Amino acid sequence: MTEQIPAHFPATTRIDPLGSIFSIVLIRIWLGIRSLQAGIEKFSGTQIIAEPTSIDGKANTDDMITETVEKFYAFSNYQGVPLTLYDSLSEEPLIHSALLEVFNNILGPVLLLLGITLLLGIATRTSLLAMGLLYTSLTFGLILLNQSSGIAWLAAHILLIGMMLMFAHRNRLELGNLLAHHTRLKFIRNL
């Protein structure tokens, strides 16, 4: 005997509009901060500071030196793809060295730009699409290197981005909507 499908399905659960808006805003802020901070970290470096060791608050006279490692940010520190990954990827036959170099050069600035646009809510859909494509390209490299934990981490990001794109019509608290409402730039709302 075959199973019969009911003539009508139960009404779907009503989704709280305000809760939806808040959840989308929180995910947008999280993805924006994640991207912005990842872009900033591409400019980080460390330096070793050597100082005479002090004992009981007084400088030691026995030439003992204390070395401390200090993190700092500078344009000269820029490295889009971490050196260990860069070296491994440069040995991969599926990645051309010129493309790897271009990707290395643009990764940090693109992450910064996407983070800023998401945080402000400017062209949110377009920013999310670009972020999804960027994370997909990062996933490609990690698959080649068999970095399973990094692949899973990026997959979680892709799921959040996909969810954001599915519920983009609920994204009300953003600068793009404000600009579209108060100017003749109505197309901004759909970006």
C-alpha atoms as a PDB file:
ATOM      1  CA  MET A   1       0.000   0.000   0.000  1.00  0.00           C
ATOM      2  CA  THR A   2       1.367   3.437  -0.891  1.00  0.00           C
ATOM      3  CA  GLU A   3       1.529   6.249   1.596  1.00  0.00           C
ATOM      4  CA  GLN A   4      -0.838   9.125   0.952  1.00  0.00           C
ATOM      5  CA  ILE A   5       0.349  12.717   1.147  1.00  0.00           C
ATOM      6  CA  PRO A   6      -2.040  14.936   3.110  1.00  0.00           C
ATOM      7  CA  ALA A   7      -4.051  17.387   1.004  1.00  0.00           C
ATOM      8  CA  HIS A   8      -2.719  20.302   3.007  1.00  0.00           C
ATOM      9  CA  PHE A   9       0.394  20.846   5.024  1.00  0.00           C
ATOM     10  CA  PRO A  10       0.434  22.633   8.369  1.00  0.00           C
ATOM     11  CA  ALA A  11       1.080  26.338   8.143  1.00  0.00           C
ATOM     12  CA  THR A  12       4.729  27.192   8.511  1.00  0.00           C
ATOM     13  CA  THR A  13       5.878  28.621  11.777  1.00  0.00           C
ATOM     14  CA  ARG A  14       5.696  32.391  11.769  1.00  0.00           C
ATOM     15  CA  ILE A  15       9.147  33.937  11.852  1.00  0.00           C
ATOM     16  CA  ASP A  16       9.599  36.907  14.145  1.00  0.00           C
ATOM     17  CA  PRO A  17      10.543  39.794  11.786  1.00  0.00           C
ATOM     18  CA  LEU A  18      12.460  41.740  14.435  1.00  0.00           C
ATOM     19  CA  GLY A  19      14.335  38.635  15.543  1.00  0.00           C
ATOM     20  CA  SER A  20      15.208  37.927  11.904  1.00  0.00           C
ATOM     21  CA  ILE A  21      16.521  41.453  11.414  1.00  0.00           C
ATOM     22  CA  PHE A  22      18.623  41.256  14.574  1.00  0.00           C
ATOM     23  CA  SER A  23      20.034  37.836  13.686  1.00  0.00           C
ATOM     24  CA  ILE A  24      21.004  39.013  10.204  1.00  0.00           C
ATOM     25  CA  VAL A  25      22.628  42.153  11.635  1.00  0.00           C
ATOM     26  CA  LEU A  26      24.616  40.072  14.137  1.00  0.00           C
ATOM     27  CA  ILE A  27      25.840  37.671  11.458  1.00  0.00           C
ATOM     28  CA  ARG A  28      26.701  40.601   9.166  1.00  0.00           C
ATOM     29  CA  ILE A  29      28.678  42.275  11.961  1.00  0.00           C
ATOM     30  CA  TRP A  30      30.464  39.011  12.833  1.00  0.00           C
ATOM     31  CA  LEU A  31      31.437  38.318   9.209  1.00  0.00           C
ATOM     32  CA  GLY A  32      32.505  41.958   8.772  1.00  0.00           C
ATOM     33  CA  ILE A  33      34.692  41.967  11.887  1.00  0.00           C
ATOM     34  CA  ARG A  34      36.135  38.559  10.949  1.00  0.00           C
ATOM     35  CA  SER A  35      37.091  39.803   7.486  1.00  0.00           C
ATOM     36  CA  LEU A  36      38.382  43.174   8.721  1.00  0.00           C
ATOM     37  CA  GLN A  37      40.543  41.622  11.433  1.00  0.00           C
ATOM     38  CA  ALA A  38      41.867  38.945   9.063  1.00  0.00           C
ATOM     39  CA  GLY A  39      42.869  41.737   6.662  1.00  0.00           C
ATOM     40  CA  ILE A  40      44.563  43.736   9.430  1.00  0.00           C
ATOM     41  CA  GLU A  41      46.503  40.663  10.576  1.00  0.00           C
ATOM     42  CA  LYS A  42      48.115  40.444   7.128  1.00  0.00           C
ATOM     43  CA  PHE A  43      50.132  43.513   8.203  1.00  0.00           C
ATOM     44  CA  SER A  44      51.313  42.120  11.539  1.00  0.00           C
ATOM     45  CA  GLY A  45      54.867  41.266  12.455  1.00  0.00           C
ATOM     46  CA  THR A  46      56.998  40.633  15.503  1.00  0.00           C
ATOM     47  CA  GLN A  47      60.181  42.141  16.812  1.00  0.00           C
ATOM     48  CA  ILE A  48      62.504  41.012  19.561  1.00  0.00           C
ATOM     49  CA  ILE A  49      63.359  43.601  22.183  1.00  0.00           C
ATOM     50  CA  ALA A  50      66.469  42.933  24.274  1.00  0.00           C
ATOM     51  CA  GLU A  51      66.767  44.730  27.612  1.00  0.00           C
ATOM     52  CA  PRO A  52      69.087  44.324  30.558  1.00  0.00           C
ATOM     53  CA  THR A  53      67.516  41.997  33.086  1.00  0.00           C
ATOM     54  CA  SER A  54      66.385  43.724  36.228  1.00  0.00           C
ATOM     55  CA  ILE A  55      66.553  42.032  39.592  1.00  0.00           C
ATOM     56  CA  ASP A  56      64.508  43.547  42.412  1.00  0.00           C
ATOM     57  CA  GLY A  57      63.869  46.584  40.233  1.00  0.00           C
ATOM     58  CA  LYS A  58      67.564  47.268  39.563  1.00  0.00           C
ATOM     59  CA  ALA A  59      69.457  46.650  36.326  1.00  0.00           C
ATOM     60  CA  ASN A  60      71.613  43.554  36.508  1.00  0.00           C
ATOM     61  CA  THR A  61      75.334  44.227  36.117  1.00  0.00           C
ATOM     62  CA  ASP A  62      76.187  40.677  34.984  1.00  0.00           C
ATOM     63  CA  ASP A  63      75.220  41.411  31.365  1.00  0.00           C
ATOM     64  CA  MET A  64      72.082  39.313  31.574  1.00  0.00           C
ATOM     65  CA  ILE A  65      69.622  40.198  28.820  1.00  0.00           C
ATOM     66  CA  THR A  66      65.876  39.618  28.765  1.00  0.00           C
ATOM     67  CA  GLU A  67      64.359  39.227  25.306  1.00  0.00           C
ATOM     68  CA  THR A  68      60.683  39.876  24.734  1.00  0.00           C
ATOM     69  CA  VAL A  69      58.721  39.383  21.538  1.00  0.00           C
ATOM     70  CA  GLU A  70      56.442  42.271  20.636  1.00  0.00           C
ATOM     71  CA  LYS A  71      53.741  42.275  17.965  1.00  0.00           C
ATOM     72  CA  PHE A  72      53.375  45.342  15.744  1.00  0.00           C
ATOM     73  CA  TYR A  73      51.634  46.392  12.535  1.00  0.00           C
ATOM     74  CA  ALA A  74      53.259  48.025   9.500  1.00  0.00           C
ATOM     75  CA  PHE A  75      52.802  48.090   5.737  1.00  0.00           C
ATOM     76  CA  SER A  76      56.282  46.599   5.390  1.00  0.00           C
ATOM     77  CA  ASN A  77      55.095  43.455   7.223  1.00  0.00           C
ATOM     78  CA  TYR A  78      52.432  42.657   4.622  1.00  0.00           C
ATOM     79  CA  GLN A  79      52.122  39.004   3.669  1.00  0.00           C
ATOM     80  CA  GLY A  80      48.740  38.007   2.225  1.00  0.00           C
ATOM     81  CA  VAL A  81      49.287  34.262   2.321  1.00  0.00           C
ATOM     82  CA  PRO A  82      51.358  33.096   5.317  1.00  0.00           C
ATOM     83  CA  LEU A  83      54.878  32.148   4.227  1.00  0.00           C
ATOM     84  CA  THR A  84      54.588  28.477   5.154  1.00  0.00           C
ATOM     85  CA  LEU A  85      51.389  28.148   3.102  1.00  0.00           C
ATOM     86  CA  TYR A  86      52.841  30.268   0.302  1.00  0.00           C
ATOM     87  CA  ASP A  87      55.873  28.001   0.023  1.00  0.00           C
ATOM     88  CA  SER A  88      53.709  24.871   0.013  1.00  0.00           C
ATOM     89  CA  LEU A  89      51.278  26.322  -2.536  1.00  0.00           C
ATOM     90  CA  SER A  90      54.112  27.428  -4.816  1.00  0.00           C
ATOM     91  CA  GLU A  91      55.095  23.752  -5.163  1.00  0.00           C
ATOM     92  CA  GLU A  92      51.578  22.730  -6.231  1.00  0.00           C
ATOM     93  CA  PRO A  93      51.263  22.065  -9.985  1.00  0.00           C
ATOM     94  CA  LEU A  94      47.619  23.257 -10.071  1.00  0.00           C
ATOM     95  CA  ILE A  95      48.515  26.771  -8.895  1.00  0.00           C
ATOM     96  CA  HIS A  96      50.454  28.999 -11.258  1.00  0.00           C
ATOM     97  CA  SER A  97      53.130  31.038  -9.490  1.00  0.00           C
ATOM     98  CA  ALA A  98      51.992  34.328 -11.103  1.00  0.00           C
ATOM     99  CA  LEU A  99      48.404  33.796  -9.895  1.00  0.00           C
ATOM    100  CA  LEU A 100      49.639  32.913  -6.422  1.00  0.00           C
ATOM    101  CA  GLU A 101      51.618  36.147  -6.321  1.00  0.00           C
ATOM    102  CA  VAL A 102      48.583  38.200  -7.419  1.00  0.00           C
ATOM    103  CA  PHE A 103      46.426  36.461  -4.803  1.00  0.00           C
ATOM    104  CA  ASN A 104      49.086  37.100  -2.154  1.00  0.00           C
ATOM    105  CA  ASN A 105      49.130  40.810  -3.048  1.00  0.00           C
ATOM    106  CA  ILE A 106      45.356  41.386  -3.075  1.00  0.00           C
ATOM    107  CA  LEU A 107      44.173  39.115  -0.236  1.00  0.00           C
ATOM    108  CA  GLY A 108      44.706  41.578   2.634  1.00  0.00           C
ATOM    109  CA  PRO A 109      43.211  44.654   0.928  1.00  0.00           C
ATOM    110  CA  VAL A 110      40.222  42.634  -0.324  1.00  0.00           C
ATOM    111  CA  LEU A 111      39.550  41.286   3.179  1.00  0.00           C
ATOM    112  CA  LEU A 112      39.726  44.849   4.556  1.00  0.00           C
ATOM    113  CA  LEU A 113      37.375  46.198   1.895  1.00  0.00           C
ATOM    114  CA  LEU A 114      34.845  43.389   2.350  1.00  0.00           C
ATOM    115  CA  GLY A 115      34.950  43.789   6.129  1.00  0.00           C
ATOM    116  CA  ILE A 116      34.291  47.519   5.906  1.00  0.00           C
ATOM    117  CA  THR A 117      31.449  47.173   3.382  1.00  0.00           C
ATOM    118  CA  LEU A 118      29.758  44.481   5.485  1.00  0.00           C
ATOM    119  CA  LEU A 119      30.102  46.413   8.723  1.00  0.00           C
ATOM    120  CA  LEU A 120      28.639  49.538   7.150  1.00  0.00           C
ATOM    121  CA  GLY A 121      26.038  47.619   5.160  1.00  0.00           C
ATOM    122  CA  ILE A 122      27.066  48.937   1.759  1.00  0.00           C
ATOM    123  CA  ALA A 123      26.279  46.603  -1.169  1.00  0.00           C
ATOM    124  CA  THR A 124      25.783  43.767   1.299  1.00  0.00           C
ATOM    125  CA  ARG A 125      24.708  41.130  -1.227  1.00  0.00           C
ATOM    126  CA  THR A 126      27.600  41.920  -3.561  1.00  0.00           C
ATOM    127  CA  SER A 127      30.045  41.956  -0.637  1.00  0.00           C
ATOM    128  CA  LEU A 128      28.743  38.602   0.589  1.00  0.00           C
ATOM    129  CA  LEU A 129      29.048  37.089  -2.890  1.00  0.00           C
ATOM    130  CA  ALA A 130      32.620  38.380  -3.189  1.00  0.00           C
ATOM    131  CA  MET A 131      33.433  37.069   0.290  1.00  0.00           C
ATOM    132  CA  GLY A 132      31.980  33.667  -0.593  1.00  0.00           C
ATOM    133  CA  LEU A 133      34.081  33.516  -3.756  1.00  0.00           C
ATOM    134  CA  LEU A 134      37.175  34.579  -1.812  1.00  0.00           C
ATOM    135  CA  TYR A 135      36.638  31.908   0.844  1.00  0.00           C
ATOM    136  CA  THR A 136      36.001  29.341  -1.905  1.00  0.00           C
ATOM    137  CA  SER A 137      39.352  30.212  -3.484  1.00  0.00           C
ATOM    138  CA  LEU A 138      41.034  29.895  -0.077  1.00  0.00           C
ATOM    139  CA  THR A 139      39.337  26.506   0.309  1.00  0.00           C
ATOM    140  CA  PHE A 140      40.768  25.400  -3.043  1.00  0.00           C
ATOM    141  CA  GLY A 141      44.302  26.028  -1.795  1.00  0.00           C
ATOM    142  CA  LEU A 142      43.673  24.291   1.507  1.00  0.00           C
ATOM    143  CA  ILE A 143      42.218  21.258  -0.275  1.00  0.00           C
ATOM    144  CA  LEU A 144      45.428  20.973  -2.294  1.00  0.00           C
ATOM    145  CA  LEU A 145      47.418  21.031   0.947  1.00  0.00           C
ATOM    146  CA  ASN A 146      45.026  18.630   2.729  1.00  0.00           C
ATOM    147  CA  GLN A 147      44.355  21.125   5.536  1.00  0.00           C
ATOM    148  CA  SER A 148      41.086  19.582   6.773  1.00  0.00           C
ATOM    149  CA  SER A 149      40.587  21.845   9.786  1.00  0.00           C
ATOM    150  CA  GLY A 150      41.008  24.997   7.683  1.00  0.00           C
ATOM    151  CA  ILE A 151      38.600  23.618   5.090  1.00  0.00           C
ATOM    152  CA  ALA A 152      35.983  22.961   7.791  1.00  0.00           C
ATOM    153  CA  TRP A 153      36.504  26.450   9.237  1.00  0.00           C
ATOM    154  CA  LEU A 154      35.961  28.050   5.828  1.00  0.00           C
ATOM    155  CA  ALA A 155      32.905  25.828   5.240  1.00  0.00           C
ATOM    156  CA  ALA A 156      31.337  27.312   8.390  1.00  0.00           C
ATOM    157  CA  HIS A 157      31.947  30.785   6.953  1.00  0.00           C
ATOM    158  CA  ILE A 158      30.367  29.765   3.632  1.00  0.00           C
ATOM    159  CA  LEU A 159      27.284  28.484   5.492  1.00  0.00           C
ATOM    160  CA  LEU A 160      26.911  31.824   7.293  1.00  0.00           C
ATOM    161  CA  ILE A 161      27.344  33.708   4.014  1.00  0.00           C
ATOM    162  CA  GLY A 162      24.766  31.487   2.299  1.00  0.00           C
ATOM    163  CA  MET A 163      22.309  32.043   5.127  1.00  0.00           C
ATOM    164  CA  MET A 164      22.884  35.791   4.948  1.00  0.00           C
ATOM    165  CA  LEU A 165      22.223  35.772   1.193  1.00  0.00           C
ATOM    166  CA  MET A 166      19.032  33.741   1.649  1.00  0.00           C
ATOM    167  CA  PHE A 167      17.687  36.219   4.201  1.00  0.00           C
ATOM    168  CA  ALA A 168      19.113  39.395   2.645  1.00  0.00           C
ATOM    169  CA  HIS A 169      15.570  40.745   2.182  1.00  0.00           C
ATOM    170  CA  ARG A 170      15.382  40.996   6.000  1.00  0.00           C
ATOM    171  CA  ASN A 171      18.572  43.053   6.186  1.00  0.00           C
ATOM    172  CA  ARG A 172      17.087  46.417   7.164  1.00  0.00           C
ATOM    173  CA  LEU A 173      19.700  48.044   9.382  1.00  0.00           C
ATOM    174  CA  GLU A 174      22.343  49.002   6.856  1.00  0.00           C
ATOM    175  CA  LEU A 175      23.768  52.123   5.286  1.00  0.00           C
ATOM    176  CA  GLY A 176      22.805  50.990   1.769  1.00  0.00           C
ATOM    177  CA  ASN A 177      19.095  50.964   2.680  1.00  0.00           C
ATOM    178  CA  LEU A 178      19.408  54.377   4.312  1.00  0.00           C
ATOM    179  CA  LEU A 179      21.076  55.828   1.198  1.00  0.00           C
ATOM    180  CA  ALA A 180      18.464  54.239  -1.075  1.00  0.00           C
ATOM    181  CA  HIS A 181      15.645  55.648   1.032  1.00  0.00           C
ATOM    182  CA  HIS A 182      16.949  59.233   1.202  1.00  0.00           C
ATOM    183  CA  THR A 183      18.412  59.598  -2.302  1.00  0.00           C
ATOM    184  CA  ARG A 184      17.488  58.711  -5.836  1.00  0.00           C
ATOM    185  CA  LEU A 185      19.953  55.804  -5.725  1.00  0.00           C
ATOM    186  CA  LYS A 186      17.257  53.136  -5.340  1.00  0.00           C
ATOM    187  CA  PHE A 187      19.448  50.498  -7.033  1.00  0.00           C
ATOM    188  CA  ILE A 188      21.721  50.461  -3.955  1.00  0.00           C
ATOM    189  CA  ARG A 189      19.049  48.551  -2.047  1.00  0.00           C
ATOM    190  CA  ASN A 190      19.425  45.542  -4.361  1.00  0.00           C
ATOM    191  CA  LEU A 191      23.237  45.326  -4.384  1.00  0.00           C
END
